[in-house]
Amino acid sequence: MSALQLNAMPDPSSLRFTLTRSQKLKTGRDFSRAKTQGQRLACGCLVANWVAPVTEAQLRVGIITSRKVGDAVERSRVRRLLRESFRLHQHELARPVDLVLVARPSIAGKKFAQVEKDFLEALRRAGLLKNVK
């Protein structure tokens, strides 16, 4: 790699892999805006809805799990898996978006690796990932 290419890539140690409160969608208005005005893509065990943010240029995520997924314990587990997938790969997104992830009933019982694979595939097909090799 040339020195120019090394400077273009962020230092992995400088990236923060946290998920702060400001990175979470909280209001029903934000969820419905992503669903009505945004784009939608179903991939594997989840459905991704995304829209450009209105005011702040920050990446935000919201997660929806219905009762069809399972009982409260299973729904909480699914939310944790989706949040973790987002947290680990948030720096790979090409631009700031409001991202709403809807869990499908097929997600119940899946391992993290399977959920992460579907998450990344959805982002790749949506064109939201940077061209990282």
C-alpha atoms as a PDB file:
ATOM      1  CA  MET A   1       0.000   0.000   0.000  1.00  0.00           C
ATOM      2  CA  SER A   2       1.157   3.493  -0.719  1.00  0.00           C
ATOM      3  CA  ALA A   3       1.400   6.187   1.926  1.00  0.00           C
ATOM      4  CA  LEU A   4      -1.603   7.909   0.358  1.00  0.00           C
ATOM      5  CA  GLN A   5      -3.775   4.814   0.803  1.00  0.00           C
ATOM      6  CA  LEU A   6      -2.656   4.375   4.407  1.00  0.00           C
ATOM      7  CA  ASN A   7      -3.646   7.944   5.235  1.00  0.00           C
ATOM      8  CA  ALA A   8      -7.080   7.498   3.637  1.00  0.00           C
ATOM      9  CA  MET A   9      -8.059   4.605   5.890  1.00  0.00           C
ATOM     10  CA  PRO A  10      -8.971   5.456   9.497  1.00  0.00           C
ATOM     11  CA  ASP A  11      -6.840   3.975  12.219  1.00  0.00           C
ATOM     12  CA  PRO A  12      -8.857   1.087  13.748  1.00  0.00           C
ATOM     13  CA  SER A  13      -7.663   2.030  17.228  1.00  0.00           C
ATOM     14  CA  SER A  14      -9.131   5.534  16.843  1.00  0.00           C
ATOM     15  CA  LEU A  15     -12.645   4.262  16.019  1.00  0.00           C
ATOM     16  CA  ARG A  16     -15.204   4.133  18.807  1.00  0.00           C
ATOM     17  CA  PHE A  17     -17.461   1.113  18.788  1.00  0.00           C
ATOM     18  CA  THR A  18     -20.026   2.414  21.243  1.00  0.00           C
ATOM     19  CA  LEU A  19     -23.716   2.950  20.707  1.00  0.00           C
ATOM     20  CA  THR A  20     -24.773   6.165  22.417  1.00  0.00           C
ATOM     21  CA  ARG A  21     -28.281   7.371  23.201  1.00  0.00           C
ATOM     22  CA  SER A  22     -28.048   9.931  20.419  1.00  0.00           C
ATOM     23  CA  GLN A  23     -27.490   7.096  17.928  1.00  0.00           C
ATOM     24  CA  LYS A  24     -30.832   5.470  18.737  1.00  0.00           C
ATOM     25  CA  LEU A  25     -34.136   6.368  17.119  1.00  0.00           C
ATOM     26  CA  LYS A  26     -36.590   7.125  19.890  1.00  0.00           C
ATOM     27  CA  THR A  27     -39.736   8.785  18.571  1.00  0.00           C
ATOM     28  CA  GLY A  28     -42.508   7.169  16.601  1.00  0.00           C
ATOM     29  CA  ARG A  29     -42.228  10.033  14.120  1.00  0.00           C
ATOM     30  CA  ASP A  30     -38.668   8.957  13.218  1.00  0.00           C
ATOM     31  CA  PHE A  31     -39.728   5.323  12.776  1.00  0.00           C
ATOM     32  CA  SER A  32     -42.734   6.193  10.617  1.00  0.00           C
ATOM     33  CA  ARG A  33     -40.686   8.642   8.506  1.00  0.00           C
ATOM     34  CA  ALA A  34     -38.179   5.907   7.698  1.00  0.00           C
ATOM     35  CA  LYS A  35     -41.014   3.562   6.784  1.00  0.00           C
ATOM     36  CA  THR A  36     -43.063   5.966   4.655  1.00  0.00           C
ATOM     37  CA  GLN A  37     -40.434   8.230   3.065  1.00  0.00           C
ATOM     38  CA  GLY A  38     -37.440   5.924   3.048  1.00  0.00           C
ATOM     39  CA  GLN A  39     -36.339   2.889   1.127  1.00  0.00           C
ATOM     40  CA  ARG A  40     -36.948  -0.720   2.129  1.00  0.00           C
ATOM     41  CA  LEU A  41     -35.095  -3.972   1.626  1.00  0.00           C
ATOM     42  CA  ALA A  42     -35.896  -7.438   2.977  1.00  0.00           C
ATOM     43  CA  CYS A  43     -32.948  -9.758   3.422  1.00  0.00           C
ATOM     44  CA  GLY A  44     -32.976 -13.032   5.322  1.00  0.00           C
ATOM     45  CA  CYS A  45     -34.238 -12.623   8.852  1.00  0.00           C
ATOM     46  CA  LEU A  46     -34.670  -8.836   8.806  1.00  0.00           C
ATOM     47  CA  VAL A  47     -36.121  -5.912   6.909  1.00  0.00           C
ATOM     48  CA  ALA A  48     -34.116  -2.697   6.637  1.00  0.00           C
ATOM     49  CA  ASN A  49     -35.761   0.700   6.175  1.00  0.00           C
ATOM     50  CA  TRP A  50     -33.531   3.745   5.773  1.00  0.00           C
ATOM     51  CA  VAL A  51     -33.852   7.439   5.039  1.00  0.00           C
ATOM     52  CA  ALA A  52     -31.471  10.393   5.075  1.00  0.00           C
ATOM     53  CA  PRO A  53     -31.494  12.200   8.431  1.00  0.00           C
ATOM     54  CA  VAL A  54     -33.493  15.420   8.639  1.00  0.00           C
ATOM     55  CA  THR A  55     -31.231  17.715  10.619  1.00  0.00           C
ATOM     56  CA  GLU A  56     -28.216  16.083  12.171  1.00  0.00           C
ATOM     57  CA  ALA A  57     -25.728  14.216  10.030  1.00  0.00           C
ATOM     58  CA  GLN A  58     -25.445  11.307  12.434  1.00  0.00           C
ATOM     59  CA  LEU A  59     -26.047   7.633  11.897  1.00  0.00           C
ATOM     60  CA  ARG A  60     -29.009   6.424  13.977  1.00  0.00           C
ATOM     61  CA  VAL A  61     -30.656   3.027  14.367  1.00  0.00           C
ATOM     62  CA  GLY A  62     -34.008   1.800  15.592  1.00  0.00           C
ATOM     63  CA  ILE A  63     -35.105  -1.810  16.053  1.00  0.00           C
ATOM     64  CA  ILE A  64     -38.610  -3.257  15.849  1.00  0.00           C
ATOM     65  CA  THR A  65     -39.520  -6.724  17.099  1.00  0.00           C
ATOM     66  CA  SER A  66     -43.123  -7.872  17.012  1.00  0.00           C
ATOM     67  CA  ARG A  67     -44.740 -10.579  19.098  1.00  0.00           C
ATOM     68  CA  LYS A  68     -44.520 -12.891  16.101  1.00  0.00           C
ATOM     69  CA  VAL A  69     -40.789 -13.198  16.847  1.00  0.00           C
ATOM     70  CA  GLY A  70     -41.410 -14.829  20.210  1.00  0.00           C
ATOM     71  CA  ASP A  71     -41.909 -14.121  23.869  1.00  0.00           C
ATOM     72  CA  ALA A  72     -40.359 -11.133  25.666  1.00  0.00           C
ATOM     73  CA  VAL A  73     -37.099 -12.947  26.348  1.00  0.00           C
ATOM     74  CA  GLU A  74     -36.636 -13.889  22.685  1.00  0.00           C
ATOM     75  CA  ARG A  75     -37.565 -10.382  21.476  1.00  0.00           C
ATOM     76  CA  SER A  76     -35.016  -8.836  23.850  1.00  0.00           C
ATOM     77  CA  ARG A  77     -32.351 -11.263  22.632  1.00  0.00           C
ATOM     78  CA  VAL A  78     -33.126 -10.382  19.010  1.00  0.00           C
ATOM     79  CA  ARG A  79     -32.854  -6.655  19.769  1.00  0.00           C
ATOM     80  CA  ARG A  80     -29.465  -7.231  21.424  1.00  0.00           C
ATOM     81  CA  LEU A  81     -28.218  -9.209  18.397  1.00  0.00           C
ATOM     82  CA  LEU A  82     -29.303  -6.522  15.934  1.00  0.00           C
ATOM     83  CA  ARG A  83     -27.875  -3.703  18.067  1.00  0.00           C
ATOM     84  CA  GLU A  84     -24.557  -5.542  18.344  1.00  0.00           C
ATOM     85  CA  SER A  85     -24.421  -6.093  14.573  1.00  0.00           C
ATOM     86  CA  PHE A  86     -24.992  -2.396  14.033  1.00  0.00           C
ATOM     87  CA  ARG A  87     -22.500  -1.374  16.732  1.00  0.00           C
ATOM     88  CA  LEU A  88     -19.682  -3.458  15.264  1.00  0.00           C
ATOM     89  CA  HIS A  89     -20.218  -2.316  11.673  1.00  0.00           C
ATOM     90  CA  GLN A  90     -21.361   1.298  12.108  1.00  0.00           C
ATOM     91  CA  HIS A  91     -18.061   2.663  10.750  1.00  0.00           C
ATOM     92  CA  GLU A  92     -18.481   0.705   7.522  1.00  0.00           C
ATOM     93  CA  LEU A  93     -21.556   2.677   6.447  1.00  0.00           C
ATOM     94  CA  ALA A  94     -20.897   5.115   3.618  1.00  0.00           C
ATOM     95  CA  ARG A  95     -23.180   7.929   4.767  1.00  0.00           C
ATOM     96  CA  PRO A  96     -25.332   8.950   7.739  1.00  0.00           C
ATOM     97  CA  VAL A  97     -28.842   7.472   7.648  1.00  0.00           C
ATOM     98  CA  ASP A  98     -31.733   6.769   9.949  1.00  0.00           C
ATOM     99  CA  LEU A  99     -31.867   2.977   9.840  1.00  0.00           C
ATOM    100  CA  VAL A 100     -34.845   0.983  11.090  1.00  0.00           C
ATOM    101  CA  LEU A 101     -34.344  -2.773  11.394  1.00  0.00           C
ATOM    102  CA  VAL A 102     -37.470  -4.926  11.588  1.00  0.00           C
ATOM    103  CA  ALA A 103     -36.942  -8.470  12.822  1.00  0.00           C
ATOM    104  CA  ARG A 104     -38.786 -11.194  10.941  1.00  0.00           C
ATOM    105  CA  PRO A 105     -40.113 -14.254  12.780  1.00  0.00           C
ATOM    106  CA  SER A 106     -37.377 -16.374  11.152  1.00  0.00           C
ATOM    107  CA  ILE A 107     -34.771 -14.614  13.311  1.00  0.00           C
ATOM    108  CA  ALA A 108     -35.863 -16.517  16.414  1.00  0.00           C
ATOM    109  CA  GLY A 109     -33.209 -18.984  17.520  1.00  0.00           C
ATOM    110  CA  LYS A 110     -30.537 -17.757  15.099  1.00  0.00           C
ATOM    111  CA  LYS A 111     -26.965 -17.337  16.261  1.00  0.00           C
ATOM    112  CA  PHE A 112     -25.170 -13.994  16.141  1.00  0.00           C
ATOM    113  CA  ALA A 113     -23.086 -14.953  13.091  1.00  0.00           C
ATOM    114  CA  GLN A 114     -26.231 -15.665  11.055  1.00  0.00           C
ATOM    115  CA  VAL A 115     -27.893 -12.404  12.088  1.00  0.00           C
ATOM    116  CA  GLU A 116     -24.709 -10.437  11.374  1.00  0.00           C
ATOM    117  CA  LYS A 117     -24.429 -12.059   7.941  1.00  0.00           C
ATOM    118  CA  ASP A 118     -28.013 -11.073   7.040  1.00  0.00           C
ATOM    119  CA  PHE A 119     -27.419  -7.551   8.407  1.00  0.00           C
ATOM    120  CA  LEU A 120     -24.295  -7.041   6.288  1.00  0.00           C
ATOM    121  CA  GLU A 121     -25.937  -8.541   3.213  1.00  0.00           C
ATOM    122  CA  ALA A 122     -28.883  -6.146   3.586  1.00  0.00           C
ATOM    123  CA  LEU A 123     -26.561  -3.148   3.894  1.00  0.00           C
ATOM    124  CA  ARG A 124     -24.486  -4.310   0.922  1.00  0.00           C
ATOM    125  CA  ARG A 125     -27.555  -4.786  -1.279  1.00  0.00           C
ATOM    126  CA  ALA A 126     -28.901  -1.406  -0.180  1.00  0.00           C
ATOM    127  CA  GLY A 127     -25.649   0.289  -1.195  1.00  0.00           C
ATOM    128  CA  LEU A 128     -25.050   1.648   2.294  1.00  0.00           C
ATOM    129  CA  LEU A 129     -21.615   0.095   2.848  1.00  0.00           C
ATOM    130  CA  LYS A 130     -18.323   1.730   1.960  1.00  0.00           C
ATOM    131  CA  ASN A 131     -16.318  -0.040  -0.707  1.00  0.00           C
ATOM    132  CA  VAL A 132     -13.974  -1.709   1.767  1.00  0.00           C
ATOM    133  CA  LYS A 133     -11.882  -4.587   0.484  1.00  0.00           C
END
